[in-house]
């Protein structure tokens, strides 16, 4: 008898009834509460040999590459997807979604290319118990920078603080995170990076500014033009994620 942590690759193939041909080369995990619009967008992109294994996930082909997308919210949900596909053999993990701004140098419309994540998400420590910080894959970071430079897309590079309790953020806590040098805070990136490292896979984060919390802003009271800029940035992030997935 085995429990989840004892499952081998073969055990997961059997448990999930997954055929080898359906295992994606790249898995894109998107951190957001609302999921339906995101799933619709990715179902329209990954149309060839499409497969929907569970409610929040779509897998299909794009430029002859098998790519998966899963809408997740928080580290625990991200870990369910990343762990399964990490052990099944998915090579690359791309974390997308949103971040609260911790730097006055970050603006709406910037793509945050995440170089590393501080591990306060509550999940990553189970995979890397000796670590407090986990890095992105450097080659993916360099490829993302080159892509943005060639397209003329606005971007910044730096680390995020991954937390498990967004609504416990206070002015003092946010100030400390900012003083530690992090550009943003999110809920999933450290989880995805840590699981990727645990299974010896590659990972990167591509995040969109949702609220300037270092300036006292929340997404309940942000600039009225922010939503349109965020939508445009989401499109660019999808474009960039697909590019990295097909490398």
Protein backbone atom coordinates (compact mmCIF):
# COMPACT_ATOMS: atom_id res chain seq x y z
CA UNK A 1 0.00 0.00 0.00
CA UNK A 2 1.34 3.44 -0.96
CA UNK A 3 0.38 7.00 -0.06
CA UNK A 4 0.79 9.96 -2.44
CA UNK A 5 4.35 10.78 -1.45
CA UNK A 6 5.37 7.20 -2.23
CA UNK A 7 3.80 7.16 -5.70
CA UNK A 8 6.20 6.51 -8.57
CA UNK A 9 5.72 7.84 -12.08
CA UNK A 10 4.03 4.59 -13.03
CA UNK A 11 1.68 4.88 -10.06
CA UNK A 12 0.61 8.36 -11.19
CA UNK A 13 0.11 7.24 -14.77
CA UNK A 14 -2.23 4.54 -13.49
CA UNK A 15 -3.99 6.68 -10.88
CA UNK A 16 -4.70 9.55 -13.29
CA UNK A 17 -5.34 7.32 -16.31
CA UNK A 18 -2.92 9.42 -18.37
CA UNK A 19 -1.48 8.18 -21.64
CA UNK A 20 2.14 9.02 -22.37
CA UNK A 21 1.13 11.06 -25.41
CA UNK A 22 -0.89 13.43 -23.23
CA UNK A 23 1.94 14.45 -20.89
CA UNK A 24 2.81 18.08 -21.76
CA UNK A 25 6.36 19.24 -22.42
CA UNK A 26 5.48 22.51 -20.69
CA UNK A 27 2.91 23.30 -18.02
CA UNK A 28 1.68 26.87 -17.58
CA UNK A 29 0.19 27.52 -14.15
CA UNK A 30 -1.85 30.70 -13.83
CA UNK A 31 -2.52 32.10 -10.36
CA UNK A 32 -5.95 33.72 -10.23
CA UNK A 33 -9.24 33.27 -8.36
CA UNK A 34 -11.47 33.56 -11.44
CA UNK A 35 -10.85 30.73 -13.87
CA UNK A 36 -13.47 30.47 -16.61
CA UNK A 37 -12.20 33.24 -18.90
CA UNK A 38 -8.63 31.96 -18.64
CA UNK A 39 -9.64 28.41 -19.51
CA UNK A 40 -11.62 29.69 -22.49
CA UNK A 41 -8.62 31.68 -23.74
CA UNK A 42 -6.31 28.68 -23.51
CA UNK A 43 -8.84 26.27 -25.01
CA UNK A 44 -8.87 28.59 -28.02
CA UNK A 45 -5.06 28.50 -28.20
CA UNK A 46 -4.40 24.80 -27.57
CA UNK A 47 -6.90 23.44 -30.06
CA UNK A 48 -4.96 20.55 -31.60
CA UNK A 49 -5.42 17.16 -29.88
CA UNK A 50 -7.08 18.93 -26.97
CA UNK A 51 -7.66 17.09 -23.69
CA UNK A 52 -9.33 18.34 -20.50
CA UNK A 53 -8.16 16.03 -17.70
CA UNK A 54 -9.71 18.00 -14.79
CA UNK A 55 -11.92 21.07 -14.35
CA UNK A 56 -9.10 23.66 -14.18
CA UNK A 57 -6.75 22.24 -16.82
CA UNK A 58 -6.53 22.04 -20.60
CA UNK A 59 -3.78 20.29 -22.57
CA UNK A 60 -3.23 20.58 -26.31
CA UNK A 61 -0.69 21.12 -29.05
CA UNK A 62 0.85 24.39 -30.22
CA UNK A 63 3.51 24.41 -32.96
CA UNK A 64 3.99 20.67 -32.49
CA UNK A 65 4.65 21.04 -28.76
CA UNK A 66 2.44 19.47 -26.10
CA UNK A 67 1.47 22.28 -23.72
CA UNK A 68 -0.77 22.36 -20.67
CA UNK A 69 -2.51 25.22 -18.88
CA UNK A 70 -3.96 25.08 -15.40
CA UNK A 71 -5.72 27.82 -13.46
CA UNK A 72 -4.60 27.64 -9.81
CA UNK A 73 -5.01 29.83 -6.75
CA UNK A 74 -2.45 29.69 -3.97
CA UNK A 75 0.42 27.32 -3.27
CA UNK A 76 -1.62 24.22 -2.30
CA UNK A 77 -3.59 24.22 -5.55
CA UNK A 78 -0.47 24.96 -7.61
CA UNK A 79 1.29 22.04 -5.92
CA UNK A 80 -1.37 19.54 -6.98
CA UNK A 81 -0.70 20.31 -10.64
CA UNK A 82 3.07 20.89 -10.43
CA UNK A 83 3.71 17.73 -8.40
CA UNK A 84 1.72 15.46 -10.70
CA UNK A 85 3.24 16.72 -13.92
CA UNK A 86 6.69 17.14 -12.41
CA UNK A 87 6.88 13.47 -11.58
CA UNK A 88 5.24 12.50 -14.88
CA UNK A 89 8.05 14.16 -16.81
CA UNK A 90 6.94 17.65 -17.84
CA UNK A 91 10.17 19.53 -18.51
CA UNK A 92 9.22 23.21 -18.07
CA UNK A 93 6.90 25.04 -15.70
CA UNK A 94 5.84 28.62 -16.34
CA UNK A 95 4.08 30.45 -13.52
CA UNK A 96 1.87 33.31 -14.69
CA UNK A 97 -0.62 35.44 -12.80
CA UNK A 98 -0.38 38.61 -10.75
CA UNK A 99 1.70 40.33 -8.11
CA UNK A 100 1.31 43.13 -5.64
CA UNK A 101 3.93 45.78 -6.32
CA UNK A 102 6.65 46.23 -3.68
CA UNK A 103 8.76 48.69 -5.67
CA UNK A 104 8.09 52.25 -6.82
CA UNK A 105 10.08 51.39 -9.96
CA UNK A 106 7.46 48.90 -11.21
CA UNK A 107 4.59 50.16 -13.35
CA UNK A 108 1.36 48.81 -14.81
CA UNK A 109 2.22 47.24 -18.14
CA UNK A 110 5.55 45.81 -16.97
CA UNK A 111 6.05 42.07 -17.24
CA UNK A 112 7.82 40.90 -14.11
CA UNK A 113 10.25 38.19 -15.20
CA UNK A 114 10.77 36.43 -11.88
CA UNK A 115 14.36 35.45 -11.14
CA UNK A 116 13.62 33.89 -7.75
CA UNK A 117 11.07 33.56 -4.97
CA UNK A 118 11.27 33.78 -1.19
CA UNK A 119 9.50 30.79 0.31
CA UNK A 120 6.70 31.82 2.68
CA UNK A 121 3.96 30.09 0.70
CA UNK A 122 3.55 27.20 3.14
CA UNK A 123 4.16 24.50 0.52
CA UNK A 124 7.65 24.94 -0.93
CA UNK A 125 9.32 24.12 2.40
CA UNK A 126 8.01 20.56 2.15
CA UNK A 127 10.00 20.10 -1.06
CA UNK A 128 13.11 22.11 -0.14
CA UNK A 129 13.23 22.02 3.68
CA UNK A 130 16.77 23.41 3.87
CA UNK A 131 16.04 26.45 1.67
CA UNK A 132 14.31 29.80 2.06
CA UNK A 133 14.78 31.06 -1.51
CA UNK A 134 14.44 29.28 -4.85
CA UNK A 135 15.70 30.48 -8.23
CA UNK A 136 14.22 30.44 -11.72
CA UNK A 137 16.00 28.72 -14.58
CA UNK A 138 18.59 31.21 -15.85
CA UNK A 139 18.29 30.20 -19.51
CA UNK A 140 14.54 30.73 -19.46
CA UNK A 141 15.06 34.12 -17.82
CA UNK A 142 17.54 35.12 -20.52
CA UNK A 143 15.19 33.91 -23.27
CA UNK A 144 12.30 35.89 -21.76
CA UNK A 145 14.42 39.05 -21.61
CA UNK A 146 15.52 38.62 -25.24
CA UNK A 147 11.90 38.15 -26.33
CA UNK A 148 10.75 41.32 -24.56
CA UNK A 149 13.68 43.29 -25.96
CA UNK A 150 12.92 42.16 -29.51
CA UNK A 151 9.19 42.95 -29.18
CA UNK A 152 9.72 46.20 -27.33
CA UNK A 153 7.67 44.95 -24.37
CA UNK A 154 8.18 46.68 -21.03
CA UNK A 155 9.63 44.35 -18.40
CA UNK A 156 11.46 44.21 -15.08
CA UNK A 157 13.44 41.38 -13.51
CA UNK A 158 13.69 40.48 -9.85
CA UNK A 159 12.40 38.37 -7.00
CA UNK A 160 9.01 37.93 -5.40
CA UNK A 161 7.86 37.08 -1.91
CA UNK A 162 5.40 34.18 -2.08
CA UNK A 163 2.91 34.28 0.78
CA UNK A 164 0.02 32.07 1.85
CA UNK A 165 -2.09 34.77 3.51
CA UNK A 166 -2.71 37.73 1.20
CA UNK A 167 -5.32 39.34 3.45
CA UNK A 168 -2.90 39.47 6.38
CA UNK A 169 -0.63 41.95 4.58
CA UNK A 170 -0.13 45.18 6.51
CA UNK A 171 1.74 48.37 5.75
CA UNK A 172 4.64 47.33 8.00
CA UNK A 173 4.89 43.82 6.53
CA UNK A 174 4.84 45.15 2.98
CA UNK A 175 7.50 47.75 3.80
CA UNK A 176 9.78 45.02 5.17
CA UNK A 177 9.35 42.92 2.03
CA UNK A 178 10.19 45.93 -0.09
CA UNK A 179 13.27 46.74 1.98
CA UNK A 180 14.42 43.13 1.47
CA UNK A 181 14.59 43.92 -2.24
CA UNK A 182 11.60 42.01 -3.58
CA UNK A 183 9.74 43.62 -6.48
CA UNK A 184 6.43 41.94 -5.76
CA UNK A 185 4.39 39.51 -3.72
CA UNK A 186 2.32 36.60 -5.01
CA UNK A 187 0.97 33.28 -3.76
CA UNK A 188 2.18 30.57 -6.14
CA UNK A 189 5.64 31.18 -7.60
CA UNK A 190 7.76 29.72 -4.78
CA UNK A 191 5.60 26.59 -4.82
CA UNK A 192 6.01 26.05 -8.55
CA UNK A 193 9.74 26.82 -8.47
CA UNK A 194 10.40 24.51 -5.51
CA UNK A 195 8.53 21.55 -6.97
CA UNK A 196 10.29 22.08 -10.29
CA UNK A 197 13.65 22.03 -8.53
CA UNK A 198 12.67 18.96 -6.52
CA UNK A 199 11.97 17.03 -9.71
CA UNK A 200 14.95 18.59 -11.55
CA UNK A 201 12.75 20.56 -13.97
CA UNK A 202 13.01 24.11 -15.32
CA UNK A 203 10.80 26.98 -14.14
CA UNK A 204 10.20 30.69 -14.65
CA UNK A 205 7.61 33.22 -13.51
CA UNK A 206 5.95 35.88 -15.71
CA UNK A 207 3.72 38.12 -13.61
CA UNK A 208 1.40 41.09 -14.15
CA UNK A 209 1.09 43.99 -11.66
CA UNK A 210 -2.35 43.89 -10.01
CA UNK A 211 -2.00 46.57 -7.33
CA UNK A 212 0.71 48.94 -6.05
CA UNK A 213 0.54 47.85 -2.42
CA UNK A 214 3.79 49.64 -1.54
CA UNK A 215 1.88 52.85 -2.36
CA UNK A 216 -1.12 51.82 -0.25
CA UNK A 217 -3.17 50.74 -3.26
CA UNK A 218 -5.30 47.57 -3.40
CA UNK A 219 -7.11 46.01 -6.32
CA UNK A 220 -10.35 47.30 -4.78
CA UNK A 221 -9.23 50.92 -5.27
CA UNK A 222 -6.68 51.01 -8.07
CA UNK A 223 -6.40 53.43 -10.99
CA UNK A 224 -9.42 53.22 -13.29
CA UNK A 225 -7.19 52.62 -16.33
CA UNK A 226 -5.32 49.72 -14.73
CA UNK A 227 -7.70 46.99 -15.88
CA UNK A 228 -7.20 47.78 -19.55
CA UNK A 229 -3.43 47.86 -19.15
CA UNK A 230 -3.52 44.57 -17.25
CA UNK A 231 -5.56 42.93 -20.02
CA UNK A 232 -3.00 44.03 -22.61
CA UNK A 233 -0.16 42.77 -20.42
CA UNK A 234 -1.92 39.42 -19.97
CA UNK A 235 -1.96 39.03 -23.76
CA UNK A 236 1.76 39.72 -23.92
CA UNK A 237 2.46 37.26 -21.13
CA UNK A 238 0.49 34.55 -22.94
CA UNK A 239 2.52 35.29 -26.08
CA UNK A 240 5.78 35.09 -24.13
CA UNK A 241 4.74 31.91 -22.30
CA UNK A 242 3.95 30.18 -25.59
CA UNK A 243 7.28 31.28 -27.00
CA UNK A 244 9.18 29.81 -24.04
CA UNK A 245 7.08 26.64 -24.22
CA UNK A 246 8.09 26.03 -27.82
CA UNK A 247 11.85 26.52 -27.33
